[in-house]
Amino acid sequence: MLTKEVIAQVAQRMGCYRKDARELLLQHFTAVLTEAAKRGEKVHLSGLGTFYPARSRKPTKSGVRRLTLKFKPAKPLLRQINQAAEGGRHETA
């Protein structure tokens, strides 16, 4: 999915303008993630998963290991995704 498609669906589900959904997702949410990562904190969203800061494995040419952001999906989300994938798969005997 593209960003504009995600924003359109979020706006439709929230009953708000696309402009407001875009601001929420791309400005406010990313700002919260950025600030938490800089402090070394995890951001846990119940039912979605956890975003957490980690250092890159490979250092840059200057020897600095960059800070990256990783995501671990929540078990209920993984269950829903796997159930949807299994429901659409046809097995032959």
C-alpha atoms as a PDB file:
ATOM      1  CA  MET A   1       0.000   0.000   0.000  1.00  0.00           C
ATOM      2  CA  LEU A   2       1.102   3.515  -0.667  1.00  0.00           C
ATOM      3  CA  THR A   3       1.023   6.292   1.911  1.00  0.00           C
ATOM      4  CA  LYS A   4      -1.929   8.031   0.266  1.00  0.00           C
ATOM      5  CA  GLU A   5      -3.928   4.773   0.295  1.00  0.00           C
ATOM      6  CA  VAL A   6      -3.248   4.218   3.998  1.00  0.00           C
ATOM      7  CA  ILE A   7      -4.191   7.813   4.788  1.00  0.00           C
ATOM      8  CA  ALA A   8      -7.415   7.543   2.770  1.00  0.00           C
ATOM      9  CA  GLN A   9      -8.440   4.380   4.625  1.00  0.00           C
ATOM     10  CA  VAL A  10      -7.575   5.813   8.047  1.00  0.00           C
ATOM     11  CA  ALA A  11      -9.519   8.990   7.265  1.00  0.00           C
ATOM     12  CA  GLN A  12     -12.523   6.970   6.131  1.00  0.00           C
ATOM     13  CA  ARG A  13     -12.477   4.777   9.260  1.00  0.00           C
ATOM     14  CA  MET A  14     -12.035   7.779  11.580  1.00  0.00           C
ATOM     15  CA  GLY A  15     -14.609   9.870   9.741  1.00  0.00           C
ATOM     16  CA  CYS A  16     -12.183  12.750   9.306  1.00  0.00           C
ATOM     17  CA  TYR A  17     -10.506  14.625   6.482  1.00  0.00           C
ATOM     18  CA  ARG A  18      -7.507  13.053   4.753  1.00  0.00           C
ATOM     19  CA  LYS A  19      -5.489  16.132   5.689  1.00  0.00           C
ATOM     20  CA  ASP A  20      -6.095  15.432   9.395  1.00  0.00           C
ATOM     21  CA  ALA A  21      -5.280  11.721   9.101  1.00  0.00           C
ATOM     22  CA  ARG A  22      -2.071  12.588   7.222  1.00  0.00           C
ATOM     23  CA  GLU A  23      -1.043  15.065   9.927  1.00  0.00           C
ATOM     24  CA  LEU A  24      -1.719  12.505  12.649  1.00  0.00           C
ATOM     25  CA  LEU A  25       0.208   9.681  10.981  1.00  0.00           C
ATOM     26  CA  LEU A  26       3.077  11.439   9.279  1.00  0.00           C
ATOM     27  CA  GLN A  27       3.774  14.300  11.656  1.00  0.00           C
ATOM     28  CA  HIS A  28       2.615  13.510  15.170  1.00  0.00           C
ATOM     29  CA  PHE A  29       3.125   9.751  15.232  1.00  0.00           C
ATOM     30  CA  THR A  30       6.574   9.949  13.647  1.00  0.00           C
ATOM     31  CA  ALA A  31       7.528  12.760  16.045  1.00  0.00           C
ATOM     32  CA  VAL A  32       6.575  10.602  19.045  1.00  0.00           C
ATOM     33  CA  LEU A  33       8.559   7.651  17.653  1.00  0.00           C
ATOM     34  CA  THR A  34      11.587   9.835  16.941  1.00  0.00           C
ATOM     35  CA  GLU A  35      11.645  11.405  20.402  1.00  0.00           C
ATOM     36  CA  ALA A  36      11.234   8.034  22.125  1.00  0.00           C
ATOM     37  CA  ALA A  37      14.005   6.453  20.011  1.00  0.00           C
ATOM     38  CA  LYS A  38      16.382   9.289  20.842  1.00  0.00           C
ATOM     39  CA  ARG A  39      15.727   8.621  24.539  1.00  0.00           C
ATOM     40  CA  GLY A  40      16.243   4.877  24.008  1.00  0.00           C
ATOM     41  CA  GLU A  41      12.619   4.078  24.867  1.00  0.00           C
ATOM     42  CA  LYS A  42      10.240   1.547  23.344  1.00  0.00           C
ATOM     43  CA  VAL A  43       6.841   2.579  21.979  1.00  0.00           C
ATOM     44  CA  HIS A  44       4.276  -0.157  22.593  1.00  0.00           C
ATOM     45  CA  LEU A  45       0.901   0.022  20.858  1.00  0.00           C
ATOM     46  CA  SER A  46      -1.421  -2.633  22.230  1.00  0.00           C
ATOM     47  CA  GLY A  47      -2.688  -4.913  19.476  1.00  0.00           C
ATOM     48  CA  LEU A  48      -0.211  -3.518  16.940  1.00  0.00           C
ATOM     49  CA  GLY A  49       3.266  -4.126  18.314  1.00  0.00           C
ATOM     50  CA  THR A  50       6.381  -2.461  19.683  1.00  0.00           C
ATOM     51  CA  PHE A  51       8.771  -0.042  18.016  1.00  0.00           C
ATOM     52  CA  TYR A  52      12.195  -0.040  19.631  1.00  0.00           C
ATOM     53  CA  PRO A  53      15.553   1.600  18.972  1.00  0.00           C
ATOM     54  CA  ALA A  54      18.569  -0.515  18.032  1.00  0.00           C
ATOM     55  CA  ARG A  55      22.086   0.182  16.828  1.00  0.00           C
ATOM     56  CA  SER A  56      22.966  -0.904  13.305  1.00  0.00           C
ATOM     57  CA  ARG A  57      25.190  -3.959  13.094  1.00  0.00           C
ATOM     58  CA  LYS A  58      27.541  -2.495  10.545  1.00  0.00           C
ATOM     59  CA  PRO A  59      29.309   0.766  11.397  1.00  0.00           C
ATOM     60  CA  THR A  60      29.558   3.554   8.837  1.00  0.00           C
ATOM     61  CA  LYS A  61      32.899   4.465   7.225  1.00  0.00           C
ATOM     62  CA  SER A  62      33.520   6.872  10.097  1.00  0.00           C
ATOM     63  CA  GLY A  63      33.057   4.019  12.580  1.00  0.00           C
ATOM     64  CA  VAL A  64      29.704   5.207  13.943  1.00  0.00           C
ATOM     65  CA  ARG A  65      26.912   2.694  14.429  1.00  0.00           C
ATOM     66  CA  ARG A  66      23.671   4.389  13.448  1.00  0.00           C
ATOM     67  CA  LEU A  67      20.504   4.258  15.485  1.00  0.00           C
ATOM     68  CA  THR A  68      17.733   2.356  13.734  1.00  0.00           C
ATOM     69  CA  LEU A  69      14.120   1.693  14.599  1.00  0.00           C
ATOM     70  CA  LYS A  70      12.838  -1.878  14.635  1.00  0.00           C
ATOM     71  CA  PHE A  71       9.308  -3.209  14.930  1.00  0.00           C
ATOM     72  CA  LYS A  72       8.046  -6.370  16.608  1.00  0.00           C
ATOM     73  CA  PRO A  73       4.403  -7.098  15.759  1.00  0.00           C
ATOM     74  CA  ALA A  74       1.984  -8.059  18.520  1.00  0.00           C
ATOM     75  CA  LYS A  75       0.852 -11.683  18.700  1.00  0.00           C
ATOM     76  CA  PRO A  76      -2.838 -10.857  17.997  1.00  0.00           C
ATOM     77  CA  LEU A  77      -1.817  -8.970  14.848  1.00  0.00           C
ATOM     78  CA  LEU A  78       0.324 -11.882  13.658  1.00  0.00           C
ATOM     79  CA  ARG A  79      -2.543 -14.281  14.365  1.00  0.00           C
ATOM     80  CA  GLN A  80      -4.946 -12.183  12.279  1.00  0.00           C
ATOM     81  CA  ILE A  81      -2.473 -11.962   9.398  1.00  0.00           C
ATOM     82  CA  ASN A  82      -1.773 -15.700   9.469  1.00  0.00           C
ATOM     83  CA  GLN A  83      -5.483 -16.580   9.631  1.00  0.00           C
ATOM     84  CA  ALA A  84      -6.159 -14.344   6.637  1.00  0.00           C
ATOM     85  CA  ALA A  85      -3.269 -15.928   4.736  1.00  0.00           C
ATOM     86  CA  GLU A  86      -4.450 -19.455   5.545  1.00  0.00           C
ATOM     87  CA  GLY A  87      -8.023 -18.656   4.548  1.00  0.00           C
ATOM     88  CA  GLY A  88      -6.944 -17.520   1.092  1.00  0.00           C
ATOM     89  CA  ARG A  89      -4.628 -20.461   0.452  1.00  0.00           C
ATOM     90  CA  HIS A  90      -5.858 -23.522  -1.415  1.00  0.00           C
ATOM     91  CA  GLU A  91      -4.226 -26.826  -0.563  1.00  0.00           C
ATOM     92  CA  THR A  92      -4.223 -29.715  -2.962  1.00  0.00           C
ATOM     93  CA  ALA A  93      -4.128 -33.306  -1.779  1.00  0.00           C
END
